[in-house]
Amino acid sequence: MPAPEEIITCVDCGGRCHLLTHAREDDQWLPGDLVSYRCEECRDRWDLVLPDDWDGDPE
């Protein structure tokens, strides 16, 4: 599985949210993994769960 996006758009302010979470020890990301982001503008934190059908493709 590919890694989640390093930077996403904050839904609150439109700023840039940076990935805080590191991959597992085996360097893999799996559906159901919790990933956290922090916005550099408003400092909000976003905790997201990779969906069951996640393949790294935003479409």
C-alpha atoms as a PDB file:
ATOM      1  CA  MET A   1       0.000   0.000   0.000  1.00  0.00           C
ATOM      2  CA  PRO A   2       1.229   3.504  -0.752  1.00  0.00           C
ATOM      3  CA  ALA A   3       1.622   6.062   2.009  1.00  0.00           C
ATOM      4  CA  PRO A   4      -1.111   8.630   2.765  1.00  0.00           C
ATOM      5  CA  GLU A   5      -0.623  12.126   1.397  1.00  0.00           C
ATOM      6  CA  GLU A   6       2.054  14.091   3.266  1.00  0.00           C
ATOM      7  CA  ILE A   7      -0.010  17.310   3.012  1.00  0.00           C
ATOM      8  CA  ILE A   8      -3.794  17.716   2.785  1.00  0.00           C
ATOM      9  CA  THR A   9      -6.060  20.773   2.800  1.00  0.00           C
ATOM     10  CA  CYS A  10      -7.601  21.801   6.113  1.00  0.00           C
ATOM     11  CA  VAL A  11     -11.398  21.731   5.911  1.00  0.00           C
ATOM     12  CA  ASP A  12     -11.667  24.487   8.532  1.00  0.00           C
ATOM     13  CA  CYS A  13      -9.358  27.182   7.174  1.00  0.00           C
ATOM     14  CA  GLY A  14      -8.051  25.947   3.809  1.00  0.00           C
ATOM     15  CA  GLY A  15      -4.469  25.820   5.136  1.00  0.00           C
ATOM     16  CA  ARG A  16      -1.992  22.985   4.747  1.00  0.00           C
ATOM     17  CA  CYS A  17      -2.183  20.000   7.113  1.00  0.00           C
ATOM     18  CA  HIS A  18       0.981  17.948   7.516  1.00  0.00           C
ATOM     19  CA  LEU A  19       1.053  14.226   8.268  1.00  0.00           C
ATOM     20  CA  LEU A  20       2.097  13.503  11.876  1.00  0.00           C
ATOM     21  CA  THR A  21       1.777   9.718  11.858  1.00  0.00           C
ATOM     22  CA  HIS A  22       4.608   7.392  10.915  1.00  0.00           C
ATOM     23  CA  ALA A  23       4.195   4.074   9.117  1.00  0.00           C
ATOM     24  CA  ARG A  24       4.216   0.781  11.007  1.00  0.00           C
ATOM     25  CA  GLU A  25       7.535  -0.886  11.828  1.00  0.00           C
ATOM     26  CA  ASP A  26       7.288  -2.845   8.557  1.00  0.00           C
ATOM     27  CA  ASP A  27       6.886   0.506   6.707  1.00  0.00           C
ATOM     28  CA  GLN A  28       3.350  -0.348   5.527  1.00  0.00           C
ATOM     29  CA  TRP A  29       0.007   1.421   5.682  1.00  0.00           C
ATOM     30  CA  LEU A  30      -3.140  -0.666   5.939  1.00  0.00           C
ATOM     31  CA  PRO A  31      -6.873   0.031   5.735  1.00  0.00           C
ATOM     32  CA  GLY A  32      -8.115   0.899   9.229  1.00  0.00           C
ATOM     33  CA  ASP A  33      -4.861   2.645  10.210  1.00  0.00           C
ATOM     34  CA  LEU A  34      -5.339   5.929  12.056  1.00  0.00           C
ATOM     35  CA  VAL A  35      -3.441   8.851  10.506  1.00  0.00           C
ATOM     36  CA  SER A  36      -3.137  12.287  12.108  1.00  0.00           C
ATOM     37  CA  TYR A  37      -2.522  15.672  10.522  1.00  0.00           C
ATOM     38  CA  ARG A  38      -1.858  19.139  11.990  1.00  0.00           C
ATOM     39  CA  CYS A  39      -2.748  22.359  10.176  1.00  0.00           C
ATOM     40  CA  GLU A  40       0.072  24.895   9.952  1.00  0.00           C
ATOM     41  CA  GLU A  41      -2.433  27.784   9.814  1.00  0.00           C
ATOM     42  CA  CYS A  42      -5.109  27.174  12.471  1.00  0.00           C
ATOM     43  CA  ARG A  43      -3.226  24.371  14.314  1.00  0.00           C
ATOM     44  CA  ASP A  44      -6.284  22.071  14.223  1.00  0.00           C
ATOM     45  CA  ARG A  45      -5.535  18.362  14.387  1.00  0.00           C
ATOM     46  CA  TRP A  46      -7.296  15.881  12.125  1.00  0.00           C
ATOM     47  CA  ASP A  47      -7.422  12.160  12.923  1.00  0.00           C
ATOM     48  CA  LEU A  48      -8.508  10.104   9.918  1.00  0.00           C
ATOM     49  CA  VAL A  49      -8.985   6.370   9.447  1.00  0.00           C
ATOM     50  CA  LEU A  50      -7.789   4.860   6.171  1.00  0.00           C
ATOM     51  CA  PRO A  51     -10.919   3.296   4.629  1.00  0.00           C
ATOM     52  CA  ASP A  52     -11.324  -0.421   3.927  1.00  0.00           C
ATOM     53  CA  ASP A  53     -11.074   0.197   0.174  1.00  0.00           C
ATOM     54  CA  TRP A  54      -8.051   2.504   0.505  1.00  0.00           C
ATOM     55  CA  ASP A  55      -5.412   2.022  -2.174  1.00  0.00           C
ATOM     56  CA  GLY A  56      -3.764   5.453  -1.983  1.00  0.00           C
ATOM     57  CA  ASP A  57      -5.651   6.716  -5.049  1.00  0.00           C
ATOM     58  CA  PRO A  58      -7.604   9.925  -4.238  1.00  0.00           C
ATOM     59  CA  GLU A  59     -10.260   9.038  -6.848  1.00  0.00           C
END
